[in-house]
């Protein structure tokens, strides 16, 4: 079976400082459909946002952000567990740090854990361990994390479900004539050096981190899809019907 990593961002999972339960349900329904013919790993943001629903702390202070992550992670996992439970699918929490991804023995342990979960029909839900990560060790964002996880778990594809629905030839927020680049084989170096433009209070990336994730995977011969997490019709068409209607596929294949 093909192994697919699906990453969902905070902007998709949260709305008005609370968990967007309808979008989470639609995501879970899609993943349960996807796992009928694929092994599925979920990389999920949203712990800090989930924590903020319970305790309003200033997110710009690192200690507060780590505390919110500690509060929010079990809240987030509980909601996932209930949603997947309606499909009789078991989930597991896998928390990693940048330090885990810098040593071969720790990478192997992550891989062994994920392999064991998948072989037993469990969906691993991966997140960075924000509660204990330091500024020096932080992966930086879950786009980067999902790319590393895709490579280190020998996965075949990364899907990023985002508030950004595709990669355009120019900024669609500034230019009405911007066009979607449906298939991208390489990314210009100057595009990778632009400033990050995260959207929303809990976001850490923007298009830059997604391009960096895609560039990393292209360098290892692994495909990536960037598409909307608000409307799953494009990703459903691509993954369930093999029809590329919207979103961008980053691939070395011509």
C-alpha atoms as a PDB file:
ATOM      1  CA  UNK A   1       0.000   0.000   0.000  1.00  0.00           C
ATOM      2  CA  UNK A   2       1.069   3.560  -0.648  1.00  0.00           C
ATOM      3  CA  UNK A   3       1.977   5.448   2.529  1.00  0.00           C
ATOM      4  CA  UNK A   4       0.593   8.990   2.691  1.00  0.00           C
ATOM      5  CA  UNK A   5       1.284  11.754   5.213  1.00  0.00           C
ATOM      6  CA  UNK A   6      -1.480  14.353   5.567  1.00  0.00           C
ATOM      7  CA  UNK A   7      -0.620  17.619   7.315  1.00  0.00           C
ATOM      8  CA  UNK A   8      -3.346  19.989   8.488  1.00  0.00           C
ATOM      9  CA  UNK A   9      -2.627  23.493   9.755  1.00  0.00           C
ATOM     10  CA  UNK A  10      -3.965  25.560  12.628  1.00  0.00           C
ATOM     11  CA  UNK A  11      -5.806  27.911  10.255  1.00  0.00           C
ATOM     12  CA  UNK A  12      -7.876  24.961   9.025  1.00  0.00           C
ATOM     13  CA  UNK A  13      -8.464  23.411  12.441  1.00  0.00           C
ATOM     14  CA  UNK A  14      -9.435  26.584  14.297  1.00  0.00           C
ATOM     15  CA  UNK A  15     -12.020  29.311  13.861  1.00  0.00           C
ATOM     16  CA  UNK A  16     -12.818  32.223  16.174  1.00  0.00           C
ATOM     17  CA  UNK A  17     -10.381  30.941  18.836  1.00  0.00           C
ATOM     18  CA  UNK A  18     -11.981  27.493  18.990  1.00  0.00           C
ATOM     19  CA  UNK A  19     -11.610  24.133  17.253  1.00  0.00           C
ATOM     20  CA  UNK A  20     -13.451  24.072  13.910  1.00  0.00           C
ATOM     21  CA  UNK A  21     -15.300  20.820  14.617  1.00  0.00           C
ATOM     22  CA  UNK A  22     -17.122  20.627  11.270  1.00  0.00           C
ATOM     23  CA  UNK A  23     -13.843  20.936   9.352  1.00  0.00           C
ATOM     24  CA  UNK A  24     -12.234  18.386  11.668  1.00  0.00           C
ATOM     25  CA  UNK A  25     -15.100  15.972  11.008  1.00  0.00           C
ATOM     26  CA  UNK A  26     -14.774  16.422   7.237  1.00  0.00           C
ATOM     27  CA  UNK A  27     -11.021  15.843   7.524  1.00  0.00           C
ATOM     28  CA  UNK A  28     -11.518  12.653   9.538  1.00  0.00           C
ATOM     29  CA  UNK A  29     -14.156  11.376   7.105  1.00  0.00           C
ATOM     30  CA  UNK A  30     -11.718  11.932   4.210  1.00  0.00           C
ATOM     31  CA  UNK A  31      -8.826  10.239   6.022  1.00  0.00           C
ATOM     32  CA  UNK A  32     -10.965   7.202   6.807  1.00  0.00           C
ATOM     33  CA  UNK A  33     -11.896   6.976   3.125  1.00  0.00           C
ATOM     34  CA  UNK A  34      -8.250   7.433   2.127  1.00  0.00           C
ATOM     35  CA  UNK A  35      -7.000   4.697   4.456  1.00  0.00           C
ATOM     36  CA  UNK A  36      -9.069   2.044   2.656  1.00  0.00           C
ATOM     37  CA  UNK A  37      -6.341   1.927  -0.016  1.00  0.00           C
ATOM     38  CA  UNK A  38      -3.447   3.759   1.661  1.00  0.00           C
ATOM     39  CA  UNK A  39      -1.548   3.805   4.925  1.00  0.00           C
ATOM     40  CA  UNK A  40      -2.259   7.209   6.498  1.00  0.00           C
ATOM     41  CA  UNK A  41      -0.192   9.294   8.914  1.00  0.00           C
ATOM     42  CA  UNK A  42      -1.674  12.578  10.153  1.00  0.00           C
ATOM     43  CA  UNK A  43       0.523  15.528  11.134  1.00  0.00           C
ATOM     44  CA  UNK A  44      -1.735  17.915  12.987  1.00  0.00           C
ATOM     45  CA  UNK A  45      -1.226  21.452  14.225  1.00  0.00           C
ATOM     46  CA  UNK A  46      -3.680  22.963  16.660  1.00  0.00           C
ATOM     47  CA  UNK A  47      -2.419  22.135  20.166  1.00  0.00           C
ATOM     48  CA  UNK A  48      -1.698  25.759  21.106  1.00  0.00           C
ATOM     49  CA  UNK A  49      -5.006  26.891  19.606  1.00  0.00           C
ATOM     50  CA  UNK A  50      -6.842  24.135  21.484  1.00  0.00           C
ATOM     51  CA  UNK A  51      -5.148  25.190  24.716  1.00  0.00           C
ATOM     52  CA  UNK A  52      -6.199  28.783  24.121  1.00  0.00           C
ATOM     53  CA  UNK A  53      -9.844  27.675  24.063  1.00  0.00           C
ATOM     54  CA  UNK A  54      -9.414  26.624  27.689  1.00  0.00           C
ATOM     55  CA  UNK A  55      -7.035  29.311  28.994  1.00  0.00           C
ATOM     56  CA  UNK A  56      -6.442  32.730  27.436  1.00  0.00           C
ATOM     57  CA  UNK A  57      -2.690  33.311  27.770  1.00  0.00           C
ATOM     58  CA  UNK A  58      -0.513  35.681  25.735  1.00  0.00           C
ATOM     59  CA  UNK A  59       0.725  33.452  22.901  1.00  0.00           C
ATOM     60  CA  UNK A  60       3.701  35.707  22.114  1.00  0.00           C
ATOM     61  CA  UNK A  61       5.443  34.590  25.334  1.00  0.00           C
ATOM     62  CA  UNK A  62       7.292  31.295  24.800  1.00  0.00           C
ATOM     63  CA  UNK A  63       6.455  29.870  28.246  1.00  0.00           C
ATOM     64  CA  UNK A  64       2.774  30.635  27.731  1.00  0.00           C
ATOM     65  CA  UNK A  65       2.815  29.046  24.298  1.00  0.00           C
ATOM     66  CA  UNK A  66       4.400  25.906  25.741  1.00  0.00           C
ATOM     67  CA  UNK A  67       1.838  25.840  28.551  1.00  0.00           C
ATOM     68  CA  UNK A  68      -1.007  26.238  26.031  1.00  0.00           C
ATOM     69  CA  UNK A  69       0.434  23.362  23.990  1.00  0.00           C
ATOM     70  CA  UNK A  70       0.520  21.178  27.116  1.00  0.00           C
ATOM     71  CA  UNK A  71      -3.114  22.042  27.881  1.00  0.00           C
ATOM     72  CA  UNK A  72      -4.252  21.794  24.282  1.00  0.00           C
ATOM     73  CA  UNK A  73      -2.623  18.559  23.125  1.00  0.00           C
ATOM     74  CA  UNK A  74      -4.931  16.248  25.133  1.00  0.00           C
ATOM     75  CA  UNK A  75      -7.944  18.409  24.185  1.00  0.00           C
ATOM     76  CA  UNK A  76      -7.025  18.090  20.498  1.00  0.00           C
ATOM     77  CA  UNK A  77      -6.370  14.341  20.748  1.00  0.00           C
ATOM     78  CA  UNK A  78      -9.643  13.773  22.570  1.00  0.00           C
ATOM     79  CA  UNK A  79     -11.576  15.471  19.778  1.00  0.00           C
ATOM     80  CA  UNK A  80      -9.720  13.436  17.137  1.00  0.00           C
ATOM     81  CA  UNK A  81     -10.308  10.241  19.091  1.00  0.00           C
ATOM     82  CA  UNK A  82     -14.065  10.854  19.199  1.00  0.00           C
ATOM     83  CA  UNK A  83     -14.277  11.766  15.500  1.00  0.00           C
ATOM     84  CA  UNK A  84     -12.237   8.733  14.369  1.00  0.00           C
ATOM     85  CA  UNK A  85     -14.136   6.590  16.856  1.00  0.00           C
ATOM     86  CA  UNK A  86     -17.331   7.043  14.835  1.00  0.00           C
ATOM     87  CA  UNK A  87     -15.495   5.109  12.077  1.00  0.00           C
ATOM     88  CA  UNK A  88     -14.172   2.535  14.593  1.00  0.00           C
ATOM     89  CA  UNK A  89     -10.640   3.776  13.894  1.00  0.00           C
ATOM     90  CA  UNK A  90      -8.085   3.938  16.702  1.00  0.00           C
ATOM     91  CA  UNK A  91      -5.650   6.858  16.882  1.00  0.00           C
ATOM     92  CA  UNK A  92      -2.299   7.320  18.605  1.00  0.00           C
ATOM     93  CA  UNK A  93      -0.377  10.414  19.657  1.00  0.00           C
ATOM     94  CA  UNK A  94       3.240  10.669  18.470  1.00  0.00           C
ATOM     95  CA  UNK A  95       5.053  13.753  19.799  1.00  0.00           C
ATOM     96  CA  UNK A  96       8.474  14.553  18.348  1.00  0.00           C
ATOM     97  CA  UNK A  97      11.084  17.300  18.671  1.00  0.00           C
ATOM     98  CA  UNK A  98      13.771  18.531  16.301  1.00  0.00           C
ATOM     99  CA  UNK A  99      16.305  16.692  18.466  1.00  0.00           C
ATOM    100  CA  UNK A 100      14.555  13.390  17.653  1.00  0.00           C
ATOM    101  CA  UNK A 101      15.030  14.105  13.944  1.00  0.00           C
ATOM    102  CA  UNK A 102      18.770  14.772  14.200  1.00  0.00           C
ATOM    103  CA  UNK A 103      19.874  11.318  15.384  1.00  0.00           C
ATOM    104  CA  UNK A 104      19.639   8.127  13.367  1.00  0.00           C
ATOM    105  CA  UNK A 105      18.732   5.966  16.375  1.00  0.00           C
ATOM    106  CA  UNK A 106      15.855   8.258  17.378  1.00  0.00           C
ATOM    107  CA  UNK A 107      14.623   8.514  13.783  1.00  0.00           C
ATOM    108  CA  UNK A 108      14.579   4.710  13.697  1.00  0.00           C
ATOM    109  CA  UNK A 109      12.516   4.578  16.912  1.00  0.00           C
ATOM    110  CA  UNK A 110       9.963   6.999  15.453  1.00  0.00           C
ATOM    111  CA  UNK A 111       9.830   4.849  12.315  1.00  0.00           C
ATOM    112  CA  UNK A 112       9.436   1.638  14.328  1.00  0.00           C
ATOM    113  CA  UNK A 113       6.593   3.146  16.364  1.00  0.00           C
ATOM    114  CA  UNK A 114       4.782   4.425  13.265  1.00  0.00           C
ATOM    115  CA  UNK A 115       5.248   1.077  11.469  1.00  0.00           C
ATOM    116  CA  UNK A 116       3.827  -0.817  14.441  1.00  0.00           C
ATOM    117  CA  UNK A 117       0.810   1.500  14.677  1.00  0.00           C
ATOM    118  CA  UNK A 118       0.066   1.312  10.945  1.00  0.00           C
ATOM    119  CA  UNK A 119       0.431  -2.478  10.845  1.00  0.00           C
ATOM    120  CA  UNK A 120      -2.234  -2.654  13.547  1.00  0.00           C
ATOM    121  CA  UNK A 121      -4.676  -0.355  11.751  1.00  0.00           C
ATOM    122  CA  UNK A 122      -3.994   2.658  13.992  1.00  0.00           C
ATOM    123  CA  UNK A 123      -3.663   6.205  12.598  1.00  0.00           C
ATOM    124  CA  UNK A 124      -0.595   7.946  14.076  1.00  0.00           C
ATOM    125  CA  UNK A 125      -1.228  11.629  14.819  1.00  0.00           C
ATOM    126  CA  UNK A 126       2.115  13.420  14.873  1.00  0.00           C
ATOM    127  CA  UNK A 127       2.809  16.857  16.324  1.00  0.00           C
ATOM    128  CA  UNK A 128       5.874  18.734  17.452  1.00  0.00           C
ATOM    129  CA  UNK A 129       6.272  18.580  21.222  1.00  0.00           C
ATOM    130  CA  UNK A 130       5.768  22.316  21.719  1.00  0.00           C
ATOM    131  CA  UNK A 131       5.479  21.888  25.476  1.00  0.00           C
ATOM    132  CA  UNK A 132       9.175  21.049  25.812  1.00  0.00           C
ATOM    133  CA  UNK A 133      10.803  22.277  22.597  1.00  0.00           C
ATOM    134  CA  UNK A 134      13.255  25.153  23.044  1.00  0.00           C
ATOM    135  CA  UNK A 135      13.940  27.939  20.577  1.00  0.00           C
ATOM    136  CA  UNK A 136      17.208  26.225  19.661  1.00  0.00           C
ATOM    137  CA  UNK A 137      15.570  22.858  18.971  1.00  0.00           C
ATOM    138  CA  UNK A 138      12.215  23.808  17.523  1.00  0.00           C
ATOM    139  CA  UNK A 139      11.538  22.294  14.078  1.00  0.00           C
ATOM    140  CA  UNK A 140       9.955  25.627  13.253  1.00  0.00           C
ATOM    141  CA  UNK A 141       6.580  24.671  11.917  1.00  0.00           C
ATOM    142  CA  UNK A 142       4.557  21.606  11.052  1.00  0.00           C
ATOM    143  CA  UNK A 143       5.114  22.047   7.298  1.00  0.00           C
ATOM    144  CA  UNK A 144       8.802  21.310   7.833  1.00  0.00           C
ATOM    145  CA  UNK A 145       8.007  18.631  10.402  1.00  0.00           C
ATOM    146  CA  UNK A 146       5.605  16.869   8.029  1.00  0.00           C
ATOM    147  CA  UNK A 147       8.269  16.842   5.293  1.00  0.00           C
ATOM    148  CA  UNK A 148      10.809  15.247   7.642  1.00  0.00           C
ATOM    149  CA  UNK A 149       8.257  12.716   8.855  1.00  0.00           C
ATOM    150  CA  UNK A 150       7.351  11.867   5.248  1.00  0.00           C
ATOM    151  CA  UNK A 151      10.971  11.107   4.401  1.00  0.00           C
ATOM    152  CA  UNK A 152      11.911   9.342   7.650  1.00  0.00           C
ATOM    153  CA  UNK A 153       8.855   7.044   7.611  1.00  0.00           C
ATOM    154  CA  UNK A 154       9.513   6.033   3.982  1.00  0.00           C
ATOM    155  CA  UNK A 155       6.217   7.606   2.908  1.00  0.00           C
ATOM    156  CA  UNK A 156       5.362   8.099  -0.753  1.00  0.00           C
ATOM    157  CA  UNK A 157       3.475  11.395  -0.615  1.00  0.00           C
ATOM    158  CA  UNK A 158       2.879  14.434   1.587  1.00  0.00           C
ATOM    159  CA  UNK A 159      -0.451  16.268   1.378  1.00  0.00           C
ATOM    160  CA  UNK A 160      -0.567  19.720   2.992  1.00  0.00           C
ATOM    161  CA  UNK A 161      -4.125  20.885   3.657  1.00  0.00           C
ATOM    162  CA  UNK A 162      -3.954  24.619   4.208  1.00  0.00           C
ATOM    163  CA  UNK A 163      -5.646  28.006   4.062  1.00  0.00           C
ATOM    164  CA  UNK A 164      -3.441  28.385   0.958  1.00  0.00           C
ATOM    165  CA  UNK A 165      -5.211  26.382  -1.752  1.00  0.00           C
ATOM    166  CA  UNK A 166      -2.277  26.099  -4.219  1.00  0.00           C
ATOM    167  CA  UNK A 167       1.027  27.598  -5.363  1.00  0.00           C
ATOM    168  CA  UNK A 168       0.456  30.568  -7.697  1.00  0.00           C
ATOM    169  CA  UNK A 169       2.698  32.349 -10.213  1.00  0.00           C
ATOM    170  CA  UNK A 170       2.195  35.512  -8.116  1.00  0.00           C
ATOM    171  CA  UNK A 171       0.503  36.474  -4.846  1.00  0.00           C
ATOM    172  CA  UNK A 172      -3.264  35.938  -5.422  1.00  0.00           C
ATOM    173  CA  UNK A 173      -4.094  38.331  -2.579  1.00  0.00           C
ATOM    174  CA  UNK A 174      -2.386  41.163  -4.469  1.00  0.00           C
ATOM    175  CA  UNK A 175      -2.920  40.192  -8.114  1.00  0.00           C
ATOM    176  CA  UNK A 176      -6.331  39.242  -9.503  1.00  0.00           C
ATOM    177  CA  UNK A 177      -4.693  37.645 -12.561  1.00  0.00           C
ATOM    178  CA  UNK A 178      -2.597  35.191 -10.501  1.00  0.00           C
ATOM    179  CA  UNK A 179      -2.682  31.654 -11.893  1.00  0.00           C
ATOM    180  CA  UNK A 180      -2.345  28.315 -10.120  1.00  0.00           C
ATOM    181  CA  UNK A 181       0.758  26.311 -10.983  1.00  0.00           C
ATOM    182  CA  UNK A 182      -0.812  22.859 -11.133  1.00  0.00           C
ATOM    183  CA  UNK A 183       2.420  20.864 -11.490  1.00  0.00           C
ATOM    184  CA  UNK A 184       5.799  22.098 -10.227  1.00  0.00           C
ATOM    185  CA  UNK A 185       9.045  20.212 -10.916  1.00  0.00           C
ATOM    186  CA  UNK A 186      11.459  22.620  -9.220  1.00  0.00           C
ATOM    187  CA  UNK A 187      11.368  25.735  -7.037  1.00  0.00           C
ATOM    188  CA  UNK A 188      13.473  28.832  -7.731  1.00  0.00           C
ATOM    189  CA  UNK A 189      16.046  29.620  -5.046  1.00  0.00           C
ATOM    190  CA  UNK A 190      14.819  33.215  -4.681  1.00  0.00           C
ATOM    191  CA  UNK A 191      11.336  31.909  -3.826  1.00  0.00           C
ATOM    192  CA  UNK A 192      12.877  30.019  -0.888  1.00  0.00           C
ATOM    193  CA  UNK A 193      14.541  33.152   0.490  1.00  0.00           C
ATOM    194  CA  UNK A 194      11.456  35.346   0.735  1.00  0.00           C
ATOM    195  CA  UNK A 195      10.034  36.361   4.092  1.00  0.00           C
ATOM    196  CA  UNK A 196       7.451  34.080   5.711  1.00  0.00           C
ATOM    197  CA  UNK A 197       3.905  35.478   5.657  1.00  0.00           C
ATOM    198  CA  UNK A 198       1.875  33.439   8.161  1.00  0.00           C
ATOM    199  CA  UNK A 199      -1.883  33.909   8.285  1.00  0.00           C
ATOM    200  CA  UNK A 200      -3.836  33.925  11.530  1.00  0.00           C
ATOM    201  CA  UNK A 201      -2.935  34.134  15.190  1.00  0.00           C
ATOM    202  CA  UNK A 202      -1.731  30.537  15.503  1.00  0.00           C
ATOM    203  CA  UNK A 203       0.011  30.087  12.131  1.00  0.00           C
ATOM    204  CA  UNK A 204       3.804  29.845  11.901  1.00  0.00           C
ATOM    205  CA  UNK A 205       4.379  29.444   8.176  1.00  0.00           C
ATOM    206  CA  UNK A 206       2.637  30.766   5.120  1.00  0.00           C
ATOM    207  CA  UNK A 207       3.635  29.809   1.584  1.00  0.00           C
ATOM    208  CA  UNK A 208       7.381  29.949   2.325  1.00  0.00           C
ATOM    209  CA  UNK A 209       7.407  27.004   4.725  1.00  0.00           C
ATOM    210  CA  UNK A 210       5.321  24.980   2.290  1.00  0.00           C
ATOM    211  CA  UNK A 211       7.776  25.680  -0.526  1.00  0.00           C
ATOM    212  CA  UNK A 212      10.669  24.686   1.736  1.00  0.00           C
ATOM    213  CA  UNK A 213       8.884  21.440   2.597  1.00  0.00           C
ATOM    214  CA  UNK A 214       8.235  20.759  -1.093  1.00  0.00           C
ATOM    215  CA  UNK A 215      11.846  21.585  -2.018  1.00  0.00           C
ATOM    216  CA  UNK A 216      13.167  19.228   0.661  1.00  0.00           C
ATOM    217  CA  UNK A 217      10.979  16.385  -0.593  1.00  0.00           C
ATOM    218  CA  UNK A 218      11.753  17.054  -4.263  1.00  0.00           C
ATOM    219  CA  UNK A 219      15.410  16.663  -3.320  1.00  0.00           C
ATOM    220  CA  UNK A 220      14.596  13.170  -2.057  1.00  0.00           C
ATOM    221  CA  UNK A 221      12.352  12.219  -4.983  1.00  0.00           C
ATOM    222  CA  UNK A 222       9.128  12.384  -2.945  1.00  0.00           C
ATOM    223  CA  UNK A 223       5.948  14.089  -4.193  1.00  0.00           C
ATOM    224  CA  UNK A 224       3.947  16.715  -2.316  1.00  0.00           C
ATOM    225  CA  UNK A 225       0.472  18.179  -2.826  1.00  0.00           C
ATOM    226  CA  UNK A 226      -0.579  21.615  -1.578  1.00  0.00           C
ATOM    227  CA  UNK A 227      -4.315  22.218  -1.565  1.00  0.00           C
ATOM    228  CA  UNK A 228      -7.216  23.671   0.420  1.00  0.00           C
ATOM    229  CA  UNK A 229      -8.111  22.352   3.852  1.00  0.00           C
ATOM    230  CA  UNK A 230     -11.306  24.412   3.893  1.00  0.00           C
ATOM    231  CA  UNK A 231     -12.824  22.663   0.875  1.00  0.00           C
ATOM    232  CA  UNK A 232     -11.685  19.051   0.474  1.00  0.00           C
ATOM    233  CA  UNK A 233     -13.228  18.496  -2.960  1.00  0.00           C
ATOM    234  CA  UNK A 234      -9.910  19.014  -4.771  1.00  0.00           C
ATOM    235  CA  UNK A 235      -7.971  16.553  -2.630  1.00  0.00           C
ATOM    236  CA  UNK A 236     -10.820  14.039  -2.730  1.00  0.00           C
ATOM    237  CA  UNK A 237     -10.856  14.238  -6.534  1.00  0.00           C
ATOM    238  CA  UNK A 238      -7.096  13.727  -6.682  1.00  0.00           C
ATOM    239  CA  UNK A 239      -6.717  10.959  -4.109  1.00  0.00           C
ATOM    240  CA  UNK A 240     -10.001   9.082  -4.406  1.00  0.00           C
ATOM    241  CA  UNK A 241     -10.770   9.533  -8.132  1.00  0.00           C
ATOM    242  CA  UNK A 242      -7.298  10.244  -9.585  1.00  0.00           C
ATOM    243  CA  UNK A 243      -8.529  13.543 -11.079  1.00  0.00           C
ATOM    244  CA  UNK A 244      -6.308  16.627 -10.651  1.00  0.00           C
ATOM    245  CA  UNK A 245      -8.747  19.524 -10.583  1.00  0.00           C
ATOM    246  CA  UNK A 246      -7.212  21.992  -8.122  1.00  0.00           C
ATOM    247  CA  UNK A 247      -4.169  22.426  -5.921  1.00  0.00           C
ATOM    248  CA  UNK A 248      -0.491  22.025  -6.795  1.00  0.00           C
ATOM    249  CA  UNK A 249       1.467  18.796  -7.208  1.00  0.00           C
ATOM    250  CA  UNK A 250       5.217  19.128  -6.589  1.00  0.00           C
ATOM    251  CA  UNK A 251       6.896  16.207  -8.372  1.00  0.00           C
ATOM    252  CA  UNK A 252      10.053  15.304 -10.271  1.00  0.00           C
ATOM    253  CA  UNK A 253       7.891  13.308 -12.718  1.00  0.00           C
ATOM    254  CA  UNK A 254       7.312  15.101 -16.019  1.00  0.00           C
END
